[in-house]
Amino acid sequence: MWLSEFKVAIITKNAESIDSLLSQIPQFNTIDEMQEAFYLFKQAYQLLHDLKDETATTMKKIKDSIRYIESTNTDGAPKLDIFQ
């Protein structure tokens, strides 16, 4: 059951579920279950690393956009007064 839930969390790229499942790792009864868990751990690690890189890239784009907006902003207060 745990291995199935862990697979679903990896496939759906659900970092919160992965974290939750990693905090409650069960005892595995067979070598096959241990090997499967090991490979799933590796996949989860790679997925979380990729998500971290993706987040860093997105944050950099946001920071660059903010810097651009700030550089094009005029010193005066913006006005919407069309009658002056």
N, C-alpha and C. Protein backbone atom coordinates (compact mmCIF):
# COMPACT_ATOMS: atom_id res chain seq x y z
N MET A 1 0.83 -1.19 0.00
CA MET A 1 0.00 0.00 0.00
C MET A 1 0.87 1.26 0.00
N TRP A 2 1.89 1.30 0.87
CA TRP A 2 2.75 2.46 0.96
C TRP A 2 3.50 2.68 -0.35
N LEU A 3 4.01 1.60 -0.93
CA LEU A 3 4.74 1.72 -2.19
C LEU A 3 3.84 2.27 -3.29
N SER A 4 2.60 1.83 -3.33
CA SER A 4 1.65 2.33 -4.34
C SER A 4 1.39 3.82 -4.15
N GLU A 5 1.18 4.23 -2.92
CA GLU A 5 0.95 5.65 -2.63
C GLU A 5 2.18 6.48 -2.99
N PHE A 6 3.37 5.91 -2.73
CA PHE A 6 4.61 6.62 -3.05
C PHE A 6 4.77 6.76 -4.57
N LYS A 7 4.42 5.72 -5.31
CA LYS A 7 4.47 5.79 -6.77
C LYS A 7 3.53 6.88 -7.28
N VAL A 8 2.32 6.92 -6.75
CA VAL A 8 1.34 7.94 -7.18
C VAL A 8 1.87 9.34 -6.88
N ALA A 9 2.47 9.52 -5.72
CA ALA A 9 3.00 10.84 -5.35
C ALA A 9 4.11 11.26 -6.31
N ILE A 10 4.95 10.31 -6.73
CA ILE A 10 6.02 10.63 -7.67
C ILE A 10 5.45 10.95 -9.04
N ILE A 11 4.51 10.13 -9.49
CA ILE A 11 3.92 10.33 -10.83
C ILE A 11 3.19 11.67 -10.91
N THR A 12 2.48 12.02 -9.85
CA THR A 12 1.73 13.29 -9.85
C THR A 12 2.59 14.48 -9.44
N LYS A 13 3.85 14.23 -9.14
CA LYS A 13 4.80 15.28 -8.73
C LYS A 13 4.29 16.06 -7.52
N ASN A 14 3.76 15.34 -6.55
CA ASN A 14 3.19 15.94 -5.36
C ASN A 14 4.23 15.92 -4.24
N ALA A 15 4.96 17.02 -4.09
CA ALA A 15 6.04 17.09 -3.12
C ALA A 15 5.55 16.94 -1.68
N GLU A 16 4.36 17.45 -1.40
CA GLU A 16 3.82 17.33 -0.04
C GLU A 16 3.53 15.88 0.32
N SER A 17 2.96 15.13 -0.62
CA SER A 17 2.68 13.72 -0.37
C SER A 17 3.98 12.93 -0.21
N ILE A 18 4.96 13.25 -1.03
CA ILE A 18 6.26 12.57 -0.92
C ILE A 18 6.85 12.82 0.46
N ASP A 19 6.81 14.05 0.90
CA ASP A 19 7.34 14.39 2.22
C ASP A 19 6.60 13.63 3.32
N SER A 20 5.29 13.61 3.21
CA SER A 20 4.48 12.92 4.21
C SER A 20 4.79 11.42 4.23
N LEU A 21 4.90 10.83 3.05
CA LEU A 21 5.17 9.40 2.99
C LEU A 21 6.59 9.07 3.47
N LEU A 22 7.53 9.96 3.20
CA LEU A 22 8.90 9.71 3.66
C LEU A 22 9.02 9.79 5.18
N SER A 23 8.10 10.50 5.80
CA SER A 23 8.15 10.59 7.26
C SER A 23 7.55 9.36 7.94
N GLN A 24 6.94 8.48 7.15
CA GLN A 24 6.33 7.29 7.73
C GLN A 24 6.68 6.03 6.92
N ILE A 25 7.96 5.83 6.68
CA ILE A 25 8.42 4.68 5.91
C ILE A 25 8.19 3.40 6.72
N PRO A 26 7.53 2.41 6.11
CA PRO A 26 7.26 1.16 6.84
C PRO A 26 8.44 0.20 6.79
N GLN A 27 8.34 -0.88 7.53
CA GLN A 27 9.30 -1.98 7.44
C GLN A 27 8.95 -2.78 6.19
N PHE A 28 9.93 -3.07 5.36
CA PHE A 28 9.68 -3.86 4.17
C PHE A 28 9.97 -5.32 4.49
N ASN A 29 9.13 -6.21 3.95
CA ASN A 29 9.23 -7.62 4.30
C ASN A 29 10.08 -8.43 3.34
N THR A 30 10.19 -7.98 2.11
CA THR A 30 10.95 -8.75 1.13
C THR A 30 12.04 -7.89 0.50
N ILE A 31 13.00 -8.59 -0.10
CA ILE A 31 14.08 -7.90 -0.81
C ILE A 31 13.50 -7.12 -1.99
N ASP A 32 12.51 -7.69 -2.67
CA ASP A 32 11.91 -7.00 -3.81
C ASP A 32 11.28 -5.68 -3.40
N GLU A 33 10.59 -5.65 -2.27
CA GLU A 33 9.99 -4.41 -1.77
C GLU A 33 11.08 -3.39 -1.44
N MET A 34 12.17 -3.86 -0.84
CA MET A 34 13.27 -2.97 -0.49
C MET A 34 13.91 -2.37 -1.75
N GLN A 35 14.10 -3.21 -2.76
CA GLN A 35 14.70 -2.72 -4.01
C GLN A 35 13.77 -1.73 -4.70
N GLU A 36 12.49 -2.04 -4.72
CA GLU A 36 11.52 -1.13 -5.34
C GLU A 36 11.51 0.20 -4.60
N ALA A 37 11.52 0.14 -3.28
CA ALA A 37 11.55 1.37 -2.49
C ALA A 37 12.82 2.17 -2.77
N PHE A 38 13.95 1.48 -2.89
CA PHE A 38 15.21 2.15 -3.17
C PHE A 38 15.14 2.92 -4.50
N TYR A 39 14.63 2.27 -5.54
CA TYR A 39 14.53 2.94 -6.84
C TYR A 39 13.52 4.09 -6.80
N LEU A 40 12.46 3.90 -6.05
CA LEU A 40 11.49 4.99 -5.90
C LEU A 40 12.10 6.16 -5.14
N PHE A 41 12.94 5.88 -4.13
CA PHE A 41 13.63 6.95 -3.40
C PHE A 41 14.51 7.74 -4.35
N LYS A 42 15.21 7.03 -5.22
CA LYS A 42 16.07 7.72 -6.19
C LYS A 42 15.25 8.60 -7.13
N GLN A 43 14.12 8.08 -7.59
CA GLN A 43 13.25 8.87 -8.47
C GLN A 43 12.68 10.08 -7.74
N ALA A 44 12.29 9.89 -6.50
CA ALA A 44 11.75 11.00 -5.72
C ALA A 44 12.81 12.07 -5.51
N TYR A 45 14.04 11.64 -5.23
CA TYR A 45 15.14 12.60 -5.04
C TYR A 45 15.33 13.42 -6.32
N GLN A 46 15.37 12.74 -7.46
CA GLN A 46 15.57 13.44 -8.73
C GLN A 46 14.40 14.38 -9.02
N LEU A 47 13.19 13.93 -8.74
CA LEU A 47 12.01 14.77 -8.96
C LEU A 47 12.08 16.03 -8.10
N LEU A 48 12.38 15.87 -6.82
CA LEU A 48 12.45 17.03 -5.92
C LEU A 48 13.57 17.98 -6.33
N HIS A 49 14.67 17.42 -6.78
CA HIS A 49 15.79 18.25 -7.26
C HIS A 49 15.35 19.04 -8.50
N ASP A 50 14.66 18.38 -9.43
CA ASP A 50 14.17 19.06 -10.63
C ASP A 50 13.15 20.16 -10.27
N LEU A 51 12.25 19.86 -9.34
CA LEU A 51 11.28 20.87 -8.92
C LEU A 51 11.96 22.06 -8.26
N LYS A 52 13.02 21.79 -7.50
CA LYS A 52 13.77 22.88 -6.87
C LYS A 52 14.41 23.76 -7.92
N ASP A 53 15.01 23.14 -8.94
CA ASP A 53 15.63 23.91 -10.03
C ASP A 53 14.59 24.72 -10.80
N GLU A 54 13.44 24.12 -11.03
CA GLU A 54 12.35 24.79 -11.73
C GLU A 54 11.88 26.01 -10.94
N THR A 55 11.76 25.85 -9.64
CA THR A 55 11.34 26.95 -8.78
C THR A 55 12.38 28.07 -8.78
N ALA A 56 13.65 27.70 -8.74
CA ALA A 56 14.71 28.70 -8.77
C ALA A 56 14.68 29.48 -10.08
N THR A 57 14.45 28.80 -11.18
CA THR A 57 14.37 29.47 -12.48
C THR A 57 13.18 30.43 -12.52
N THR A 58 12.06 30.00 -12.01
CA THR A 58 10.87 30.85 -11.99
C THR A 58 11.09 32.07 -11.11
N MET A 59 11.72 31.87 -9.96
CA MET A 59 12.00 32.99 -9.06
C MET A 59 12.93 34.00 -9.72
N LYS A 60 13.92 33.51 -10.46
CA LYS A 60 14.85 34.41 -11.15
C LYS A 60 14.10 35.23 -12.20
N LYS A 61 13.20 34.59 -12.94
CA LYS A 61 12.42 35.31 -13.94
C LYS A 61 11.56 36.39 -13.29
N ILE A 62 10.96 36.06 -12.15
CA ILE A 62 10.13 37.04 -11.44
C ILE A 62 10.98 38.21 -10.96
N LYS A 63 12.14 37.91 -10.39
CA LYS A 63 13.03 38.99 -9.93
C LYS A 63 13.47 39.88 -11.09
N ASP A 64 13.80 39.26 -12.24
CA ASP A 64 14.19 40.04 -13.41
C ASP A 64 13.04 40.93 -13.89
N SER A 65 11.83 40.40 -13.85
CA SER A 65 10.66 41.19 -14.26
C SER A 65 10.44 42.36 -13.32
N ILE A 66 10.59 42.12 -12.03
CA ILE A 66 10.44 43.21 -11.04
C ILE A 66 11.49 44.27 -11.27
N ARG A 67 12.73 43.85 -11.50
CA ARG A 67 13.80 44.82 -11.76
C ARG A 67 13.49 45.65 -13.01
N TYR A 68 12.99 45.00 -14.04
CA TYR A 68 12.65 45.72 -15.27
C TYR A 68 11.54 46.72 -15.02
N ILE A 69 10.50 46.30 -14.33
CA ILE A 69 9.38 47.20 -14.03
C ILE A 69 9.85 48.38 -13.20
N GLU A 70 10.70 48.11 -12.21
CA GLU A 70 11.21 49.20 -11.38
C GLU A 70 12.09 50.15 -12.18
N SER A 71 12.84 49.63 -13.15
CA SER A 71 13.72 50.50 -13.93
C SER A 71 12.95 51.38 -14.91
N THR A 72 11.77 50.96 -15.29
CA THR A 72 10.97 51.76 -16.23
C THR A 72 9.99 52.68 -15.50
N ASN A 73 9.92 52.58 -14.20
CA ASN A 73 9.01 53.39 -13.41
C ASN A 73 9.54 54.81 -13.33
N THR A 74 8.65 55.79 -13.49
CA THR A 74 9.07 57.19 -13.37
C THR A 74 9.11 57.59 -11.90
N ASP A 75 9.86 58.65 -11.63
CA ASP A 75 9.99 59.12 -10.25
C ASP A 75 8.71 59.74 -9.72
N GLY A 76 7.96 60.39 -10.59
CA GLY A 76 6.73 61.04 -10.16
C GLY A 76 5.64 60.03 -9.87
N ALA A 77 4.70 60.46 -9.09
CA ALA A 77 3.58 59.58 -8.77
C ALA A 77 2.72 59.39 -10.01
N PRO A 78 2.34 58.19 -10.29
CA PRO A 78 1.50 57.97 -11.48
C PRO A 78 0.14 58.62 -11.28
N LYS A 79 -0.36 59.25 -12.34
CA LYS A 79 -1.63 59.95 -12.26
C LYS A 79 -2.58 59.43 -13.31
N LEU A 80 -3.81 59.42 -12.95
CA LEU A 80 -4.85 59.05 -13.90
C LEU A 80 -5.80 60.23 -14.09
N ASP A 81 -5.33 61.40 -13.77
CA ASP A 81 -6.16 62.60 -13.85
C ASP A 81 -6.12 63.13 -15.29
N ILE A 82 -7.19 62.97 -16.02
CA ILE A 82 -7.21 63.37 -17.42
C ILE A 82 -7.68 64.82 -17.63
N PHE A 83 -8.09 65.49 -16.55
CA PHE A 83 -8.60 66.84 -16.67
C PHE A 83 -7.55 67.91 -16.43
N GLN A 84 -6.31 67.58 -16.27
CA GLN A 84 -5.28 68.60 -16.04
C GLN A 84 -4.48 68.86 -17.25
